[in-house]
Amino acid sequence: MDNSNNTGKIVGSLVVGALVGVTLGVLFAPHKGTRTRSMIAGGAEDMAKDFKKKMSREAKDFKKMVSKDAKMLKDKAAELEGMVEGKFESVSSSLKEKANALLQMNSDHVTK
């Protein structure tokens, strides 16, 4: 029973506190409600514009970064392609030399 009685006191205190806060807010408000709402709306619009500008700048910066990274990846891919082609040509040349050497050895054995 004590818990429910304490809960009732807490809820009652919160309600009374909220009512006192609202009353003091209305009594000491610096402007009329319509003006206050207008100021709040104007502030919200300014915040929205600032947010839009910031997001636009962030998007541009991100696009630049992605573009820069894409260029770097493209350059690395071209470099890797060149390395692979060089290795392939080297291996191909080596295989041709060895095949020619084997053919030469084979023709030397056949003619003897």
N, C-alpha and C. Protein backbone atom coordinates (compact mmCIF):
# COMPACT_ATOMS: atom_id res chain seq x y z
N MET A 1 0.80 -1.19 0.00
CA MET A 1 0.00 0.00 0.00
C MET A 1 0.85 1.26 0.00
N ASP A 2 1.99 1.21 0.68
CA ASP A 2 2.85 2.38 0.75
C ASP A 2 3.36 2.79 -0.62
N ASN A 3 3.69 1.80 -1.46
CA ASN A 3 4.21 2.09 -2.80
C ASN A 3 3.19 2.82 -3.66
N SER A 4 1.95 2.39 -3.64
CA SER A 4 0.93 3.05 -4.46
C SER A 4 0.65 4.46 -3.94
N ASN A 5 0.73 4.66 -2.63
CA ASN A 5 0.53 5.98 -2.05
C ASN A 5 1.67 6.91 -2.45
N ASN A 6 2.93 6.40 -2.44
CA ASN A 6 4.09 7.20 -2.86
C ASN A 6 4.01 7.53 -4.35
N THR A 7 3.57 6.58 -5.15
CA THR A 7 3.44 6.82 -6.59
C THR A 7 2.41 7.91 -6.85
N GLY A 8 1.32 7.90 -6.12
CA GLY A 8 0.29 8.93 -6.26
C GLY A 8 0.83 10.30 -5.90
N LYS A 9 1.65 10.36 -4.86
CA LYS A 9 2.25 11.64 -4.45
C LYS A 9 3.20 12.15 -5.53
N ILE A 10 3.98 11.24 -6.11
CA ILE A 10 4.95 11.63 -7.16
C ILE A 10 4.21 12.16 -8.38
N VAL A 11 3.18 11.44 -8.82
CA VAL A 11 2.42 11.86 -10.00
C VAL A 11 1.73 13.19 -9.72
N GLY A 12 1.17 13.33 -8.54
CA GLY A 12 0.52 14.59 -8.17
C GLY A 12 1.51 15.74 -8.17
N SER A 13 2.69 15.51 -7.63
CA SER A 13 3.72 16.56 -7.61
C SER A 13 4.13 16.95 -9.02
N LEU A 14 4.26 15.98 -9.90
CA LEU A 14 4.61 16.26 -11.30
C LEU A 14 3.54 17.10 -11.99
N VAL A 15 2.29 16.77 -11.77
CA VAL A 15 1.18 17.52 -12.37
C VAL A 15 1.17 18.95 -11.85
N VAL A 16 1.31 19.12 -10.55
CA VAL A 16 1.32 20.46 -9.96
C VAL A 16 2.51 21.25 -10.49
N GLY A 17 3.68 20.62 -10.59
CA GLY A 17 4.87 21.29 -11.12
C GLY A 17 4.68 21.73 -12.55
N ALA A 18 4.07 20.87 -13.37
CA ALA A 18 3.82 21.22 -14.77
C ALA A 18 2.87 22.39 -14.87
N LEU A 19 1.81 22.39 -14.07
CA LEU A 19 0.85 23.50 -14.09
C LEU A 19 1.50 24.81 -13.65
N VAL A 20 2.33 24.75 -12.62
CA VAL A 20 3.02 25.96 -12.16
C VAL A 20 3.96 26.46 -13.26
N GLY A 21 4.67 25.56 -13.93
CA GLY A 21 5.58 25.93 -15.02
C GLY A 21 4.85 26.59 -16.16
N VAL A 22 3.73 26.02 -16.57
CA VAL A 22 2.94 26.60 -17.66
C VAL A 22 2.43 27.98 -17.27
N THR A 23 1.92 28.11 -16.05
CA THR A 23 1.40 29.40 -15.58
C THR A 23 2.49 30.46 -15.58
N LEU A 24 3.65 30.15 -15.05
CA LEU A 24 4.76 31.10 -15.03
C LEU A 24 5.22 31.43 -16.45
N GLY A 25 5.23 30.45 -17.31
CA GLY A 25 5.62 30.68 -18.70
C GLY A 25 4.69 31.65 -19.39
N VAL A 26 3.41 31.50 -19.17
CA VAL A 26 2.43 32.38 -19.79
C VAL A 26 2.54 33.79 -19.20
N LEU A 27 2.70 33.88 -17.88
CA LEU A 27 2.78 35.19 -17.22
C LEU A 27 4.03 35.98 -17.62
N PHE A 28 5.14 35.31 -17.78
CA PHE A 28 6.39 35.99 -18.04
C PHE A 28 6.89 35.85 -19.48
N ALA A 29 6.06 35.41 -20.38
CA ALA A 29 6.45 35.27 -21.79
C ALA A 29 6.79 36.64 -22.36
N PRO A 30 7.91 36.76 -23.08
CA PRO A 30 8.31 38.06 -23.61
C PRO A 30 7.46 38.52 -24.79
N HIS A 31 6.79 37.62 -25.47
CA HIS A 31 6.02 37.97 -26.66
C HIS A 31 4.67 37.25 -26.64
N LYS A 32 3.79 37.69 -27.51
CA LYS A 32 2.51 37.00 -27.69
C LYS A 32 2.77 35.64 -28.31
N GLY A 33 1.80 34.76 -28.18
CA GLY A 33 1.93 33.40 -28.71
C GLY A 33 2.17 33.36 -30.20
N THR A 34 1.43 34.21 -30.95
CA THR A 34 1.60 34.18 -32.41
C THR A 34 3.01 34.59 -32.81
N ARG A 35 3.54 35.61 -32.10
CA ARG A 35 4.90 36.05 -32.42
C ARG A 35 5.92 34.98 -32.03
N THR A 36 5.72 34.37 -30.89
CA THR A 36 6.63 33.32 -30.44
C THR A 36 6.62 32.15 -31.42
N ARG A 37 5.42 31.75 -31.85
CA ARG A 37 5.32 30.65 -32.82
C ARG A 37 6.00 31.03 -34.13
N SER A 38 5.85 32.28 -34.54
CA SER A 38 6.49 32.77 -35.77
C SER A 38 8.01 32.73 -35.63
N MET A 39 8.50 33.13 -34.45
CA MET A 39 9.94 33.10 -34.22
C MET A 39 10.47 31.66 -34.23
N ILE A 40 9.70 30.77 -33.63
CA ILE A 40 10.10 29.36 -33.61
C ILE A 40 10.12 28.81 -35.03
N ALA A 41 9.09 29.13 -35.81
CA ALA A 41 9.02 28.65 -37.20
C ALA A 41 10.19 29.22 -38.01
N GLY A 42 10.49 30.50 -37.82
CA GLY A 42 11.61 31.12 -38.53
C GLY A 42 12.93 30.47 -38.16
N GLY A 43 13.09 30.19 -36.87
CA GLY A 43 14.31 29.51 -36.42
C GLY A 43 14.42 28.13 -37.02
N ALA A 44 13.29 27.43 -37.11
CA ALA A 44 13.29 26.09 -37.70
C ALA A 44 13.65 26.16 -39.18
N GLU A 45 13.13 27.17 -39.88
CA GLU A 45 13.47 27.34 -41.30
C GLU A 45 14.96 27.62 -41.47
N ASP A 46 15.50 28.50 -40.61
CA ASP A 46 16.94 28.79 -40.67
C ASP A 46 17.77 27.55 -40.41
N MET A 47 17.35 26.77 -39.43
CA MET A 47 18.07 25.53 -39.14
C MET A 47 18.00 24.57 -40.32
N ALA A 48 16.85 24.49 -40.96
CA ALA A 48 16.69 23.61 -42.12
C ALA A 48 17.58 24.07 -43.27
N LYS A 49 17.66 25.38 -43.49
CA LYS A 49 18.53 25.91 -44.56
C LYS A 49 19.99 25.62 -44.25
N ASP A 50 20.39 25.86 -43.01
CA ASP A 50 21.77 25.58 -42.61
C ASP A 50 22.10 24.09 -42.77
N PHE A 51 21.16 23.25 -42.37
CA PHE A 51 21.36 21.81 -42.50
C PHE A 51 21.49 21.42 -43.96
N LYS A 52 20.64 21.99 -44.82
CA LYS A 52 20.68 21.69 -46.25
C LYS A 52 22.04 22.11 -46.84
N LYS A 53 22.53 23.31 -46.45
CA LYS A 53 23.82 23.78 -46.95
C LYS A 53 24.95 22.85 -46.50
N LYS A 54 24.90 22.48 -45.23
CA LYS A 54 25.94 21.60 -44.69
C LYS A 54 25.91 20.25 -45.40
N MET A 55 24.74 19.70 -45.61
CA MET A 55 24.64 18.40 -46.29
C MET A 55 25.11 18.51 -47.74
N SER A 56 24.84 19.65 -48.37
CA SER A 56 25.29 19.86 -49.74
C SER A 56 26.81 19.89 -49.79
N ARG A 57 27.43 20.62 -48.84
CA ARG A 57 28.90 20.66 -48.78
C ARG A 57 29.47 19.28 -48.51
N GLU A 58 28.86 18.56 -47.59
CA GLU A 58 29.33 17.21 -47.26
C GLU A 58 29.21 16.29 -48.48
N ALA A 59 28.13 16.41 -49.22
CA ALA A 59 27.93 15.58 -50.41
C ALA A 59 29.00 15.90 -51.45
N LYS A 60 29.29 17.20 -51.65
CA LYS A 60 30.33 17.59 -52.61
C LYS A 60 31.68 17.05 -52.18
N ASP A 61 32.00 17.19 -50.89
CA ASP A 61 33.28 16.69 -50.38
C ASP A 61 33.37 15.17 -50.56
N PHE A 62 32.27 14.48 -50.28
CA PHE A 62 32.25 13.02 -50.43
C PHE A 62 32.44 12.63 -51.89
N LYS A 63 31.79 13.37 -52.78
CA LYS A 63 31.90 13.09 -54.21
C LYS A 63 33.35 13.29 -54.67
N LYS A 64 33.99 14.36 -54.19
CA LYS A 64 35.40 14.60 -54.54
C LYS A 64 36.28 13.45 -54.04
N MET A 65 36.03 13.03 -52.80
CA MET A 65 36.83 11.96 -52.22
C MET A 65 36.65 10.66 -53.01
N VAL A 66 35.41 10.34 -53.35
CA VAL A 66 35.14 9.12 -54.11
C VAL A 66 35.77 9.20 -55.49
N SER A 67 35.69 10.38 -56.10
CA SER A 67 36.28 10.57 -57.42
C SER A 67 37.80 10.39 -57.36
N LYS A 68 38.40 10.97 -56.33
CA LYS A 68 39.85 10.85 -56.15
C LYS A 68 40.24 9.39 -55.93
N ASP A 69 39.49 8.69 -55.08
CA ASP A 69 39.77 7.28 -54.82
C ASP A 69 39.56 6.44 -56.07
N ALA A 70 38.53 6.76 -56.85
CA ALA A 70 38.26 6.02 -58.08
C ALA A 70 39.42 6.20 -59.07
N LYS A 71 39.94 7.42 -59.17
CA LYS A 71 41.07 7.67 -60.06
C LYS A 71 42.29 6.88 -59.60
N MET A 72 42.52 6.88 -58.28
CA MET A 72 43.66 6.14 -57.75
C MET A 72 43.51 4.65 -58.05
N LEU A 73 42.31 4.10 -57.86
CA LEU A 73 42.07 2.69 -58.16
C LEU A 73 42.27 2.39 -59.64
N LYS A 74 41.80 3.31 -60.49
CA LYS A 74 41.96 3.12 -61.93
C LYS A 74 43.45 3.12 -62.30
N ASP A 75 44.22 4.05 -61.71
CA ASP A 75 45.66 4.10 -61.97
C ASP A 75 46.35 2.83 -61.48
N LYS A 76 45.98 2.35 -60.31
CA LYS A 76 46.58 1.12 -59.77
C LYS A 76 46.22 -0.08 -60.65
N ALA A 77 44.98 -0.11 -61.15
CA ALA A 77 44.57 -1.21 -62.02
C ALA A 77 45.38 -1.19 -63.31
N ALA A 78 45.61 0.00 -63.86
CA ALA A 78 46.41 0.11 -65.09
C ALA A 78 47.85 -0.32 -64.81
N GLU A 79 48.38 0.06 -63.67
CA GLU A 79 49.74 -0.34 -63.28
C GLU A 79 49.84 -1.85 -63.14
N LEU A 80 48.85 -2.43 -62.48
CA LEU A 80 48.82 -3.88 -62.30
C LEU A 80 48.69 -4.60 -63.64
N GLU A 81 47.86 -4.06 -64.52
CA GLU A 81 47.70 -4.64 -65.85
C GLU A 81 49.03 -4.63 -66.59
N GLY A 82 49.76 -3.52 -66.50
CA GLY A 82 51.07 -3.44 -67.14
C GLY A 82 52.04 -4.45 -66.58
N MET A 83 52.02 -4.63 -65.26
CA MET A 83 52.90 -5.61 -64.63
C MET A 83 52.57 -7.02 -65.09
N VAL A 84 51.27 -7.34 -65.15
CA VAL A 84 50.84 -8.68 -65.58
C VAL A 84 51.24 -8.92 -67.02
N GLU A 85 51.04 -7.91 -67.88
CA GLU A 85 51.42 -8.06 -69.28
C GLU A 85 52.93 -8.28 -69.41
N GLY A 86 53.70 -7.54 -68.62
CA GLY A 86 55.16 -7.71 -68.64
C GLY A 86 55.57 -9.11 -68.21
N LYS A 87 54.96 -9.60 -67.15
CA LYS A 87 55.26 -10.97 -66.67
C LYS A 87 54.84 -12.00 -67.71
N PHE A 88 53.67 -11.79 -68.31
CA PHE A 88 53.19 -12.73 -69.32
C PHE A 88 54.15 -12.78 -70.51
N GLU A 89 54.59 -11.62 -70.96
CA GLU A 89 55.54 -11.56 -72.08
C GLU A 89 56.85 -12.23 -71.71
N SER A 90 57.31 -12.03 -70.49
CA SER A 90 58.54 -12.65 -70.03
C SER A 90 58.41 -14.17 -69.99
N VAL A 91 57.31 -14.65 -69.43
CA VAL A 91 57.08 -16.10 -69.36
C VAL A 91 56.92 -16.68 -70.76
N SER A 92 56.19 -15.99 -71.60
CA SER A 92 55.98 -16.44 -72.98
C SER A 92 57.30 -16.54 -73.72
N SER A 93 58.13 -15.52 -73.58
CA SER A 93 59.43 -15.51 -74.24
C SER A 93 60.30 -16.65 -73.71
N SER A 94 60.29 -16.85 -72.42
CA SER A 94 61.08 -17.93 -71.81
C SER A 94 60.61 -19.29 -72.30
N LEU A 95 59.29 -19.46 -72.39
CA LEU A 95 58.75 -20.74 -72.88
C LEU A 95 59.13 -20.98 -74.34
N LYS A 96 59.11 -19.92 -75.16
CA LYS A 96 59.50 -20.05 -76.56
C LYS A 96 60.96 -20.46 -76.67
N GLU A 97 61.83 -19.82 -75.86
CA GLU A 97 63.25 -20.15 -75.88
C GLU A 97 63.47 -21.60 -75.49
N LYS A 98 62.80 -22.04 -74.43
CA LYS A 98 62.95 -23.43 -73.97
C LYS A 98 62.40 -24.41 -75.00
N ALA A 99 61.29 -24.05 -75.64
CA ALA A 99 60.73 -24.93 -76.67
C ALA A 99 61.68 -25.03 -77.85
N ASN A 100 62.24 -23.89 -78.26
CA ASN A 100 63.21 -23.91 -79.36
C ASN A 100 64.45 -24.71 -78.99
N ALA A 101 64.90 -24.59 -77.74
CA ALA A 101 66.06 -25.36 -77.29
C ALA A 101 65.75 -26.84 -77.32
N LEU A 102 64.56 -27.22 -76.88
CA LEU A 102 64.17 -28.63 -76.90
C LEU A 102 64.07 -29.14 -78.35
N LEU A 103 63.52 -28.30 -79.22
CA LEU A 103 63.42 -28.69 -80.63
C LEU A 103 64.81 -28.86 -81.23
N GLN A 104 65.70 -27.97 -80.87
CA GLN A 104 67.06 -28.05 -81.38
C GLN A 104 67.74 -29.32 -80.87
N MET A 105 67.56 -29.60 -79.57
CA MET A 105 68.15 -30.83 -79.01
C MET A 105 67.55 -32.05 -79.68
N ASN A 106 66.26 -32.03 -79.94
CA ASN A 106 65.59 -33.15 -80.56
C ASN A 106 66.10 -33.35 -81.99
N SER A 107 66.25 -32.23 -82.71
CA SER A 107 66.73 -32.38 -84.10
C SER A 107 68.19 -32.83 -84.11
N ASP A 108 68.99 -32.45 -83.10
CA ASP A 108 70.37 -32.92 -83.01
C ASP A 108 70.41 -34.41 -82.74
N HIS A 109 69.51 -34.92 -81.94
CA HIS A 109 69.47 -36.35 -81.64
C HIS A 109 68.96 -37.14 -82.83
N VAL A 110 68.05 -36.56 -83.58
CA VAL A 110 67.47 -37.26 -84.72
C VAL A 110 68.53 -37.37 -85.84
N THR A 111 69.31 -36.32 -86.04
CA THR A 111 70.29 -36.34 -87.13
C THR A 111 71.50 -37.20 -86.79
N LYS A 112 71.74 -37.56 -85.58
CA LYS A 112 72.88 -38.39 -85.21
C LYS A 112 72.65 -39.82 -85.38
